[in-house]
Amino acid sequence: MGFFEKLGQGLKKTRDSIFGAISGLVNMGEIDDEMYENLEEQLILADTGADVAMELVEELRGRVRAQHLRTGADALDALKAILRERLAADGPMDLGGHPAVILVIGVNGVGKTTSIAKLAHLYTEQGKRVLLAAGDTFRAAAAEQLQVWAERAGVPMIRHQEGADPASVVFDAVQSAAARGVDIVICDTAGRLHNKKNLMSELAKISRAVAKACPAASCETLLVLDAITGQNAINQASQFVEAAGATGVILTKLDGTAKGGAAIAVKEKLGLPVRFVGVGEGMDDLMPFDADAFVDALFLRED
């Protein structure tokens, strides 16, 4: 199955229940106040959030006026363009370091460990040498769970004993990667919020460990969110993002929800680009996020 087909299949629930209705009401109906009201309602149902839905509708109204659009089909094209622009990242991830380090953060239960394994598989398939670091040393059996996934992905892993300093695990992993010519180090981190001060201190210490272990390393911090919990996850993540200095989001379980509009809310509310989306349980079901492909898949016609 190709990239677009897999993405389209993963977004089927969202498309069938929400964005199919949006296509119908915009494309077939007249451009009038009722259309705008119905569109706002459907966007809210898709879990974009009420405030984001209102902003999108207002921007569409502005474009319809400015571009003198007359038909529903034109309005639909304008809506797609707005979504593409809002979802697009300002630039690619910084993976130019030697090694490139990716810290993965997120509360327990969102799919953090499996996302790490799938990231490892993705980069290995691209010909990269990947190393995992078991930096979640506080949760019982976290390292054992990650080890199982590391073996499935066919990549090595650095771990310490339970309760060890996470920064020391990351330091050893980055230092080892630099010595062995590993391209990418993916680091698990504690899956609990503690409190803002403790989280900030812990992640700052880990970041310093990366720089100390290898000054040539680059570092990205990806926050894992569960699309099924949608707005709740985004609201809970706002403090997490501020404390952790996240640079992007992995949005998991999109195939299990009709609320794929959460991807729009992530960018608008957290100010972070979605970097990867999970659309299934297989090792190759974590996909790099592409705004154009995502919007096309949301509105894919299956006649």
C-alpha atoms as a PDB file:
ATOM      1  CA  MET A   1       0.000   0.000   0.000  1.00  0.00           C
ATOM      2  CA  GLY A   2       1.378   3.411  -0.974  1.00  0.00           C
ATOM      3  CA  PHE A   3       1.881   6.409   1.296  1.00  0.00           C
ATOM      4  CA  PHE A   4      -1.268   8.253   0.265  1.00  0.00           C
ATOM      5  CA  GLU A   5      -3.446   5.140   0.300  1.00  0.00           C
ATOM      6  CA  LYS A   6      -2.300   4.253   3.814  1.00  0.00           C
ATOM      7  CA  LEU A   7      -2.892   7.795   5.031  1.00  0.00           C
ATOM      8  CA  GLY A   8      -6.320   7.837   3.404  1.00  0.00           C
ATOM      9  CA  GLN A   9      -7.220   4.551   5.055  1.00  0.00           C
ATOM     10  CA  GLY A  10      -5.979   5.787   8.426  1.00  0.00           C
ATOM     11  CA  LEU A  11      -8.168   8.891   8.197  1.00  0.00           C
ATOM     12  CA  LYS A  12     -11.252   7.007   7.010  1.00  0.00           C
ATOM     13  CA  LYS A  13     -13.238   7.428  10.243  1.00  0.00           C
ATOM     14  CA  THR A  14     -12.644  11.170  10.294  1.00  0.00           C
ATOM     15  CA  ARG A  15     -13.391  11.549   6.609  1.00  0.00           C
ATOM     16  CA  ASP A  16     -16.523   9.426   6.615  1.00  0.00           C
ATOM     17  CA  SER A  17     -18.125  11.024   9.653  1.00  0.00           C
ATOM     18  CA  ILE A  18     -16.969  14.644   9.463  1.00  0.00           C
ATOM     19  CA  PHE A  19     -15.051  15.837   6.421  1.00  0.00           C
ATOM     20  CA  GLY A  20     -17.292  13.997   4.001  1.00  0.00           C
ATOM     21  CA  ALA A  21     -20.144  16.050   5.421  1.00  0.00           C
ATOM     22  CA  ILE A  22     -18.064  19.220   5.102  1.00  0.00           C
ATOM     23  CA  SER A  23     -17.351  18.443   1.443  1.00  0.00           C
ATOM     24  CA  GLY A  24     -21.047  17.908   0.832  1.00  0.00           C
ATOM     25  CA  LEU A  25     -22.342  21.012   2.538  1.00  0.00           C
ATOM     26  CA  VAL A  26     -19.712  23.326   1.040  1.00  0.00           C
ATOM     27  CA  ASN A  27     -19.405  21.814  -2.404  1.00  0.00           C
ATOM     28  CA  MET A  28     -23.093  21.259  -3.095  1.00  0.00           C
ATOM     29  CA  GLY A  29     -24.697  24.139  -1.231  1.00  0.00           C
ATOM     30  CA  GLU A  30     -24.765  27.858  -1.783  1.00  0.00           C
ATOM     31  CA  ILE A  31     -22.290  30.181  -0.122  1.00  0.00           C
ATOM     32  CA  ASP A  32     -24.513  31.683   2.553  1.00  0.00           C
ATOM     33  CA  ASP A  33     -24.698  32.157   6.319  1.00  0.00           C
ATOM     34  CA  GLU A  34     -26.260  28.734   6.801  1.00  0.00           C
ATOM     35  CA  MET A  35     -23.329  27.086   5.038  1.00  0.00           C
ATOM     36  CA  TYR A  36     -20.861  28.902   7.293  1.00  0.00           C
ATOM     37  CA  GLU A  37     -22.801  27.930  10.436  1.00  0.00           C
ATOM     38  CA  ASN A  38     -22.961  24.285   9.377  1.00  0.00           C
ATOM     39  CA  LEU A  39     -19.266  24.313   8.508  1.00  0.00           C
ATOM     40  CA  GLU A  40     -18.359  25.683  11.934  1.00  0.00           C
ATOM     41  CA  GLU A  41     -20.447  22.970  13.590  1.00  0.00           C
ATOM     42  CA  GLN A  42     -18.778  20.192  11.583  1.00  0.00           C
ATOM     43  CA  LEU A  43     -15.298  21.506  12.367  1.00  0.00           C
ATOM     44  CA  ILE A  44     -16.110  21.503  16.068  1.00  0.00           C
ATOM     45  CA  LEU A  45     -17.325  17.895  15.769  1.00  0.00           C
ATOM     46  CA  ALA A  46     -13.979  17.057  14.129  1.00  0.00           C
ATOM     47  CA  ASP A  47     -12.327  18.262  17.363  1.00  0.00           C
ATOM     48  CA  THR A  48     -10.633  21.367  16.036  1.00  0.00           C
ATOM     49  CA  GLY A  49     -11.989  23.233  19.061  1.00  0.00           C
ATOM     50  CA  ALA A  50     -14.652  25.933  18.968  1.00  0.00           C
ATOM     51  CA  ASP A  51     -12.240  28.861  18.820  1.00  0.00           C
ATOM     52  CA  VAL A  52     -10.201  27.323  15.987  1.00  0.00           C
ATOM     53  CA  ALA A  53     -13.381  26.430  14.088  1.00  0.00           C
ATOM     54  CA  MET A  54     -14.561  30.048  14.328  1.00  0.00           C
ATOM     55  CA  GLU A  55     -11.189  31.325  13.089  1.00  0.00           C
ATOM     56  CA  LEU A  56     -11.224  28.974  10.111  1.00  0.00           C
ATOM     57  CA  VAL A  57     -14.744  29.981   9.122  1.00  0.00           C
ATOM     58  CA  GLU A  58     -13.935  33.682   9.438  1.00  0.00           C
ATOM     59  CA  GLU A  59     -10.841  33.255   7.301  1.00  0.00           C
ATOM     60  CA  LEU A  60     -12.920  31.429   4.704  1.00  0.00           C
ATOM     61  CA  ARG A  61     -15.487  34.234   4.710  1.00  0.00           C
ATOM     62  CA  GLY A  62     -12.671  36.700   4.079  1.00  0.00           C
ATOM     63  CA  ARG A  63     -11.281  34.738   1.167  1.00  0.00           C
ATOM     64  CA  VAL A  64     -14.690  34.268  -0.410  1.00  0.00           C
ATOM     65  CA  ARG A  65     -15.164  38.045  -0.331  1.00  0.00           C
ATOM     66  CA  ALA A  66     -11.639  38.981  -1.380  1.00  0.00           C
ATOM     67  CA  GLN A  67     -11.491  36.479  -4.241  1.00  0.00           C
ATOM     68  CA  HIS A  68     -15.129  37.011  -5.299  1.00  0.00           C
ATOM     69  CA  LEU A  69     -15.875  33.295  -5.048  1.00  0.00           C
ATOM     70  CA  ARG A  70     -19.321  32.296  -6.226  1.00  0.00           C
ATOM     71  CA  THR A  71     -19.661  28.522  -6.029  1.00  0.00           C
ATOM     72  CA  GLY A  72     -19.478  25.993  -3.262  1.00  0.00           C
ATOM     73  CA  ALA A  73     -16.718  24.152  -5.127  1.00  0.00           C
ATOM     74  CA  ASP A  74     -14.605  27.313  -5.078  1.00  0.00           C
ATOM     75  CA  ALA A  75     -15.266  27.736  -1.355  1.00  0.00           C
ATOM     76  CA  LEU A  76     -14.217  24.134  -0.734  1.00  0.00           C
ATOM     77  CA  ASP A  77     -10.945  24.704  -2.584  1.00  0.00           C
ATOM     78  CA  ALA A  78     -10.384  27.836  -0.504  1.00  0.00           C
ATOM     79  CA  LEU A  79     -11.011  25.901   2.724  1.00  0.00           C
ATOM     80  CA  LYS A  80      -8.514  23.236   1.697  1.00  0.00           C
ATOM     81  CA  ALA A  81      -5.917  25.924   0.964  1.00  0.00           C
ATOM     82  CA  ILE A  82      -6.475  27.480   4.395  1.00  0.00           C
ATOM     83  CA  LEU A  83      -6.025  24.118   6.114  1.00  0.00           C
ATOM     84  CA  ARG A  84      -2.842  23.352   4.165  1.00  0.00           C
ATOM     85  CA  GLU A  85      -1.357  26.708   5.096  1.00  0.00           C
ATOM     86  CA  ARG A  86      -2.246  26.376   8.764  1.00  0.00           C
ATOM     87  CA  LEU A  87      -0.959  22.814   9.053  1.00  0.00           C
ATOM     88  CA  ALA A  88       2.318  23.373   7.234  1.00  0.00           C
ATOM     89  CA  ALA A  89       5.497  23.403   9.311  1.00  0.00           C
ATOM     90  CA  ASP A  90       7.826  26.386   9.058  1.00  0.00           C
ATOM     91  CA  GLY A  91      10.696  24.072   8.197  1.00  0.00           C
ATOM     92  CA  PRO A  92      11.966  20.502   8.495  1.00  0.00           C
ATOM     93  CA  MET A  93      13.237  18.864  11.674  1.00  0.00           C
ATOM     94  CA  ASP A  94      16.864  19.529  12.497  1.00  0.00           C
ATOM     95  CA  LEU A  95      18.528  16.166  12.004  1.00  0.00           C
ATOM     96  CA  GLY A  96      21.841  17.618  10.892  1.00  0.00           C
ATOM     97  CA  GLY A  97      23.793  16.781  14.044  1.00  0.00           C
ATOM     98  CA  HIS A  98      26.335  14.012  14.429  1.00  0.00           C
ATOM     99  CA  PRO A  99      24.413  12.339  15.893  1.00  0.00           C
ATOM    100  CA  ALA A 100      20.898  13.766  15.589  1.00  0.00           C
ATOM    101  CA  VAL A 101      19.133  13.317  18.935  1.00  0.00           C
ATOM    102  CA  ILE A 102      15.357  13.047  19.310  1.00  0.00           C
ATOM    103  CA  LEU A 103      13.927  13.285  22.832  1.00  0.00           C
ATOM    104  CA  VAL A 104      10.455  11.775  23.036  1.00  0.00           C
ATOM    105  CA  ILE A 105       8.151  13.050  25.783  1.00  0.00           C
ATOM    106  CA  GLY A 106       4.535  12.423  26.725  1.00  0.00           C
ATOM    107  CA  VAL A 107       2.343  11.042  29.475  1.00  0.00           C
ATOM    108  CA  ASN A 108       1.959   7.302  29.880  1.00  0.00           C
ATOM    109  CA  GLY A 109      -0.618   5.599  27.696  1.00  0.00           C
ATOM    110  CA  VAL A 110      -0.391   7.806  24.601  1.00  0.00           C
ATOM    111  CA  GLY A 111       1.742   5.378  22.601  1.00  0.00           C
ATOM    112  CA  LYS A 112       5.158   6.828  23.440  1.00  0.00           C
ATOM    113  CA  THR A 113       7.102   3.562  23.516  1.00  0.00           C
ATOM    114  CA  THR A 114       5.584   2.175  20.323  1.00  0.00           C
ATOM    115  CA  SER A 115       6.111   5.527  18.592  1.00  0.00           C
ATOM    116  CA  ILE A 116       9.806   5.375  19.485  1.00  0.00           C
ATOM    117  CA  ALA A 117      10.054   1.895  17.992  1.00  0.00           C
ATOM    118  CA  LYS A 118       8.211   2.952  14.852  1.00  0.00           C
ATOM    119  CA  LEU A 119      10.478   6.005  14.486  1.00  0.00           C
ATOM    120  CA  ALA A 120      13.478   3.706  14.768  1.00  0.00           C
ATOM    121  CA  HIS A 121      12.010   1.441  12.084  1.00  0.00           C
ATOM    122  CA  LEU A 122      11.256   4.417   9.820  1.00  0.00           C
ATOM    123  CA  TYR A 123      14.788   5.784   9.976  1.00  0.00           C
ATOM    124  CA  THR A 124      16.351   2.333   9.669  1.00  0.00           C
ATOM    125  CA  GLU A 125      14.344   1.816   6.479  1.00  0.00           C
ATOM    126  CA  GLN A 126      15.882   5.068   5.224  1.00  0.00           C
ATOM    127  CA  GLY A 127      19.345   3.584   5.730  1.00  0.00           C
ATOM    128  CA  LYS A 128      20.100   5.418   8.972  1.00  0.00           C
ATOM    129  CA  ARG A 129      21.931   3.843  11.893  1.00  0.00           C
ATOM    130  CA  VAL A 130      19.699   4.209  14.944  1.00  0.00           C
ATOM    131  CA  LEU A 131      20.271   3.792  18.687  1.00  0.00           C
ATOM    132  CA  LEU A 132      17.622   3.914  21.423  1.00  0.00           C
ATOM    133  CA  ALA A 133      18.133   5.277  24.944  1.00  0.00           C
ATOM    134  CA  ALA A 134      15.907   4.018  27.784  1.00  0.00           C
ATOM    135  CA  GLY A 135      15.641   7.318  29.634  1.00  0.00           C
ATOM    136  CA  ASP A 136      12.333   6.560  31.353  1.00  0.00           C
ATOM    137  CA  THR A 137      14.025   5.039  34.385  1.00  0.00           C
ATOM    138  CA  PHE A 138      11.227   5.715  36.873  1.00  0.00           C
ATOM    139  CA  ARG A 139       8.380   3.637  35.482  1.00  0.00           C
ATOM    140  CA  ALA A 140       8.609  -0.016  36.385  1.00  0.00           C
ATOM    141  CA  ALA A 141       9.508  -2.221  33.416  1.00  0.00           C
ATOM    142  CA  ALA A 142       9.754   0.754  31.024  1.00  0.00           C
ATOM    143  CA  ALA A 143      13.213  -0.281  29.854  1.00  0.00           C
ATOM    144  CA  GLU A 144      12.105  -3.898  29.407  1.00  0.00           C
ATOM    145  CA  GLN A 145       9.166  -2.793  27.293  1.00  0.00           C
ATOM    146  CA  LEU A 146      11.394  -0.571  25.158  1.00  0.00           C
ATOM    147  CA  GLN A 147      13.905  -3.419  24.791  1.00  0.00           C
ATOM    148  CA  VAL A 148      11.224  -5.643  23.271  1.00  0.00           C
ATOM    149  CA  TRP A 149      10.381  -2.968  20.736  1.00  0.00           C
ATOM    150  CA  ALA A 150      14.049  -2.255  20.024  1.00  0.00           C
ATOM    151  CA  GLU A 151      14.504  -5.916  19.127  1.00  0.00           C
ATOM    152  CA  ARG A 152      11.458  -5.805  16.850  1.00  0.00           C
ATOM    153  CA  ALA A 153      12.883  -2.734  15.126  1.00  0.00           C
ATOM    154  CA  GLY A 154      16.312  -4.370  14.931  1.00  0.00           C
ATOM    155  CA  VAL A 155      18.176  -1.546  16.665  1.00  0.00           C
ATOM    156  CA  PRO A 156      20.498  -1.499  19.716  1.00  0.00           C
ATOM    157  CA  MET A 157      19.555   0.168  23.008  1.00  0.00           C
ATOM    158  CA  ILE A 158      21.409   1.752  25.917  1.00  0.00           C
ATOM    159  CA  ARG A 159      19.873   1.264  29.367  1.00  0.00           C
ATOM    160  CA  HIS A 160      20.804   1.621  33.051  1.00  0.00           C
ATOM    161  CA  GLN A 161      19.218   0.118  36.131  1.00  0.00           C
ATOM    162  CA  GLU A 162      15.740   1.167  37.200  1.00  0.00           C
ATOM    163  CA  GLY A 163      15.788   4.484  39.070  1.00  0.00           C
ATOM    164  CA  ALA A 164      19.010   5.700  37.442  1.00  0.00           C
ATOM    165  CA  ASP A 165      19.498   9.315  36.417  1.00  0.00           C
ATOM    166  CA  PRO A 166      17.815   9.729  32.979  1.00  0.00           C
ATOM    167  CA  ALA A 167      20.393  12.317  31.935  1.00  0.00           C
ATOM    168  CA  SER A 168      23.206   9.814  32.522  1.00  0.00           C
ATOM    169  CA  VAL A 169      21.463   7.274  30.265  1.00  0.00           C
ATOM    170  CA  VAL A 170      21.114   9.858  27.507  1.00  0.00           C
ATOM    171  CA  PHE A 171      24.721  11.022  28.002  1.00  0.00           C
ATOM    172  CA  ASP A 172      26.034   7.479  27.583  1.00  0.00           C
ATOM    173  CA  ALA A 173      23.816   6.859  24.562  1.00  0.00           C
ATOM    174  CA  VAL A 174      24.874  10.032  22.752  1.00  0.00           C
ATOM    175  CA  GLN A 175      28.541   9.490  23.561  1.00  0.00           C
ATOM    176  CA  SER A 176      28.327   5.898  22.330  1.00  0.00           C
ATOM    177  CA  ALA A 177      26.498   6.990  19.160  1.00  0.00           C
ATOM    178  CA  ALA A 178      29.157   9.588  18.389  1.00  0.00           C
ATOM    179  CA  ALA A 179      31.928   7.036  18.841  1.00  0.00           C
ATOM    180  CA  ARG A 180      30.186   4.397  16.717  1.00  0.00           C
ATOM    181  CA  GLY A 181      29.035   6.656  13.896  1.00  0.00           C
ATOM    182  CA  VAL A 182      25.324   6.249  14.702  1.00  0.00           C
ATOM    183  CA  ASP A 183      23.122   8.700  12.808  1.00  0.00           C
ATOM    184  CA  ILE A 184      20.110   9.091  15.111  1.00  0.00           C
ATOM    185  CA  VAL A 185      19.621   8.579  18.859  1.00  0.00           C
ATOM    186  CA  ILE A 186      15.980   8.313  19.982  1.00  0.00           C
ATOM    187  CA  CYS A 187      15.566   8.823  23.722  1.00  0.00           C
ATOM    188  CA  ASP A 188      12.615   7.758  25.844  1.00  0.00           C
ATOM    189  CA  THR A 189      11.957  10.100  28.778  1.00  0.00           C
ATOM    190  CA  ALA A 190       9.816   9.955  31.894  1.00  0.00           C
ATOM    191  CA  GLY A 191       6.157   9.551  31.065  1.00  0.00           C
ATOM    192  CA  ARG A 192       4.748  11.579  33.883  1.00  0.00           C
ATOM    193  CA  LEU A 193       4.281  15.279  34.386  1.00  0.00           C
ATOM    194  CA  HIS A 194       5.630  15.536  37.974  1.00  0.00           C
ATOM    195  CA  ASN A 195       5.105  19.260  38.162  1.00  0.00           C
ATOM    196  CA  LYS A 196       6.185  22.015  35.838  1.00  0.00           C
ATOM    197  CA  LYS A 197       9.334  22.893  37.773  1.00  0.00           C
ATOM    198  CA  ASN A 198      10.568  19.313  38.105  1.00  0.00           C
ATOM    199  CA  LEU A 199       9.818  18.495  34.486  1.00  0.00           C
ATOM    200  CA  MET A 200      11.626  21.583  33.258  1.00  0.00           C
ATOM    201  CA  SER A 201      14.639  20.809  35.432  1.00  0.00           C
ATOM    202  CA  GLU A 202      14.805  17.183  34.325  1.00  0.00           C
ATOM    203  CA  LEU A 203      14.534  17.918  30.604  1.00  0.00           C
ATOM    204  CA  ALA A 204      16.982  20.817  30.846  1.00  0.00           C
ATOM    205  CA  LYS A 205      19.447  18.432  32.497  1.00  0.00           C
ATOM    206  CA  ILE A 206      18.930  15.908  29.701  1.00  0.00           C
ATOM    207  CA  SER A 207      19.493  18.601  27.056  1.00  0.00           C
ATOM    208  CA  ARG A 208      22.714  19.641  28.767  1.00  0.00           C
ATOM    209  CA  ALA A 209      23.776  15.987  28.819  1.00  0.00           C
ATOM    210  CA  VAL A 210      23.279  15.782  25.041  1.00  0.00           C
ATOM    211  CA  ALA A 211      25.459  18.854  24.434  1.00  0.00           C
ATOM    212  CA  LYS A 212      28.106  17.662  26.907  1.00  0.00           C
ATOM    213  CA  ALA A 213      28.262  14.155  25.428  1.00  0.00           C
ATOM    214  CA  CYS A 214      28.699  15.483  21.896  1.00  0.00           C
ATOM    215  CA  PRO A 215      28.827  19.207  21.020  1.00  0.00           C
ATOM    216  CA  ALA A 216      28.136  18.299  17.370  1.00  0.00           C
ATOM    217  CA  ALA A 217      24.759  16.727  18.238  1.00  0.00           C
ATOM    218  CA  SER A 218      21.473  18.342  17.219  1.00  0.00           C
ATOM    219  CA  CYS A 219      18.400  17.914  19.393  1.00  0.00           C
ATOM    220  CA  GLU A 220      14.655  17.807  18.715  1.00  0.00           C
ATOM    221  CA  THR A 221      11.983  17.203  21.371  1.00  0.00           C
ATOM    222  CA  LEU A 222       8.814  15.493  20.157  1.00  0.00           C
ATOM    223  CA  LEU A 223       5.645  15.384  22.255  1.00  0.00           C
ATOM    224  CA  VAL A 224       3.428  12.320  21.760  1.00  0.00           C
ATOM    225  CA  LEU A 225      -0.325  12.987  21.869  1.00  0.00           C
ATOM    226  CA  ASP A 226      -3.244  10.571  21.547  1.00  0.00           C
ATOM    227  CA  ALA A 227      -5.665  11.724  18.826  1.00  0.00           C
ATOM    228  CA  ILE A 228      -8.506   9.757  20.418  1.00  0.00           C
ATOM    229  CA  THR A 229      -8.488  12.058  23.466  1.00  0.00           C
ATOM    230  CA  GLY A 230      -8.206  15.066  21.147  1.00  0.00           C
ATOM    231  CA  GLN A 231      -8.897  18.383  22.841  1.00  0.00           C
ATOM    232  CA  ASN A 232      -8.363  16.923  26.304  1.00  0.00           C
ATOM    233  CA  ALA A 233      -4.855  15.817  25.339  1.00  0.00           C
ATOM    234  CA  ILE A 234      -4.090  19.205  23.819  1.00  0.00           C
ATOM    235  CA  ASN A 235      -5.298  21.076  26.900  1.00  0.00           C
ATOM    236  CA  GLN A 236      -3.240  18.848  29.197  1.00  0.00           C
ATOM    237  CA  ALA A 237      -0.210  19.225  26.931  1.00  0.00           C
ATOM    238  CA  SER A 238      -0.028  23.019  27.011  1.00  0.00           C
ATOM    239  CA  GLN A 239       1.848  23.103  30.326  1.00  0.00           C
ATOM    240  CA  PHE A 240       3.936  20.122  29.274  1.00  0.00           C
ATOM    241  CA  VAL A 241       4.993  21.968  26.108  1.00  0.00           C
ATOM    242  CA  GLU A 242       5.970  25.103  27.985  1.00  0.00           C
ATOM    243  CA  ALA A 243       8.039  23.146  30.488  1.00  0.00           C
ATOM    244  CA  ALA A 244       9.657  20.766  28.031  1.00  0.00           C
ATOM    245  CA  GLY A 245      10.513  23.100  25.166  1.00  0.00           C
ATOM    246  CA  ALA A 246       8.940  20.720  22.653  1.00  0.00           C
ATOM    247  CA  THR A 247       9.703  21.319  18.987  1.00  0.00           C
ATOM    248  CA  GLY A 248       7.074  19.087  17.389  1.00  0.00           C
ATOM    249  CA  VAL A 249       4.283  16.570  17.914  1.00  0.00           C
ATOM    250  CA  ILE A 250       3.691  12.895  17.149  1.00  0.00           C
ATOM    251  CA  LEU A 251      -0.078  12.405  16.873  1.00  0.00           C
ATOM    252  CA  THR A 252      -0.948   8.746  17.457  1.00  0.00           C
ATOM    253  CA  LYS A 253      -4.068   6.612  16.891  1.00  0.00           C
ATOM    254  CA  LEU A 254      -5.585   8.759  14.134  1.00  0.00           C
ATOM    255  CA  ASP A 255      -7.035   5.611  12.613  1.00  0.00           C
ATOM    256  CA  GLY A 256      -9.057   4.962  15.772  1.00  0.00           C
ATOM    257  CA  THR A 257     -10.964   8.222  15.914  1.00  0.00           C
ATOM    258  CA  ALA A 258     -13.349  10.350  13.862  1.00  0.00           C
ATOM    259  CA  LYS A 259     -11.755  13.463  15.362  1.00  0.00           C
ATOM    260  CA  GLY A 260      -8.806  13.931  13.044  1.00  0.00           C
ATOM    261  CA  GLY A 261      -9.347  17.671  13.274  1.00  0.00           C
ATOM    262  CA  ALA A 262      -7.200  17.448  16.397  1.00  0.00           C
ATOM    263  CA  ALA A 263      -4.220  17.736  14.061  1.00  0.00           C
ATOM    264  CA  ILE A 264      -5.388  21.238  13.158  1.00  0.00           C
ATOM    265  CA  ALA A 265      -5.878  22.134  16.811  1.00  0.00           C
ATOM    266  CA  VAL A 266      -2.368  20.957  17.715  1.00  0.00           C
ATOM    267  CA  LYS A 267      -0.738  23.491  15.411  1.00  0.00           C
ATOM    268  CA  GLU A 268      -3.119  26.297  16.343  1.00  0.00           C
ATOM    269  CA  LYS A 269      -3.200  25.814  20.122  1.00  0.00           C
ATOM    270  CA  LEU A 270       0.261  24.512  20.905  1.00  0.00           C
ATOM    271  CA  GLY A 271       2.104  26.398  18.194  1.00  0.00           C
ATOM    272  CA  LEU A 272       3.926  23.198  17.252  1.00  0.00           C
ATOM    273  CA  PRO A 273       4.082  21.397  13.919  1.00  0.00           C
ATOM    274  CA  VAL A 274       2.803  17.839  13.695  1.00  0.00           C
ATOM    275  CA  ARG A 275       5.864  15.875  12.597  1.00  0.00           C
ATOM    276  CA  PHE A 276       4.472  12.327  12.496  1.00  0.00           C
ATOM    277  CA  VAL A 277       1.050  10.676  12.561  1.00  0.00           C
ATOM    278  CA  GLY A 278       0.170   7.151  13.624  1.00  0.00           C
ATOM    279  CA  VAL A 279      -2.404   5.490  11.388  1.00  0.00           C
ATOM    280  CA  GLY A 280      -2.231   1.861  12.532  1.00  0.00           C
ATOM    281  CA  GLU A 281      -0.538  -0.679  14.767  1.00  0.00           C
ATOM    282  CA  GLY A 282       2.093  -1.948  12.328  1.00  0.00           C
ATOM    283  CA  MET A 283       5.763  -0.944  12.500  1.00  0.00           C
ATOM    284  CA  ASP A 284       5.415   1.016   9.260  1.00  0.00           C
ATOM    285  CA  ASP A 285       2.228   2.813  10.314  1.00  0.00           C
ATOM    286  CA  LEU A 286       3.951   5.909  11.719  1.00  0.00           C
ATOM    287  CA  MET A 287       4.196   8.374   8.857  1.00  0.00           C
ATOM    288  CA  PRO A 288       5.973  11.700   8.397  1.00  0.00           C
ATOM    289  CA  PHE A 289       3.327  14.404   8.410  1.00  0.00           C
ATOM    290  CA  ASP A 290       2.722  16.229   5.147  1.00  0.00           C
ATOM    291  CA  ALA A 291       0.118  18.998   5.247  1.00  0.00           C
ATOM    292  CA  ASP A 292      -0.856  18.712   1.581  1.00  0.00           C
ATOM    293  CA  ALA A 293      -1.261  14.919   1.699  1.00  0.00           C
ATOM    294  CA  PHE A 294      -3.151  15.132   5.000  1.00  0.00           C
ATOM    295  CA  VAL A 295      -5.728  17.605   3.665  1.00  0.00           C
ATOM    296  CA  ASP A 296      -6.111  15.666   0.420  1.00  0.00           C
ATOM    297  CA  ALA A 297      -6.725  12.473   2.413  1.00  0.00           C
ATOM    298  CA  LEU A 298      -9.314  14.196   4.625  1.00  0.00           C
ATOM    299  CA  PHE A 299     -11.352  15.161   1.584  1.00  0.00           C
ATOM    300  CA  LEU A 300     -10.603  12.075  -0.514  1.00  0.00           C
ATOM    301  CA  ARG A 301     -13.556  11.039  -2.698  1.00  0.00           C
ATOM    302  CA  GLU A 302     -14.169   7.321  -2.810  1.00  0.00           C
ATOM    303  CA  ASP A 303     -16.796   7.067  -5.548  1.00  0.00           C
END
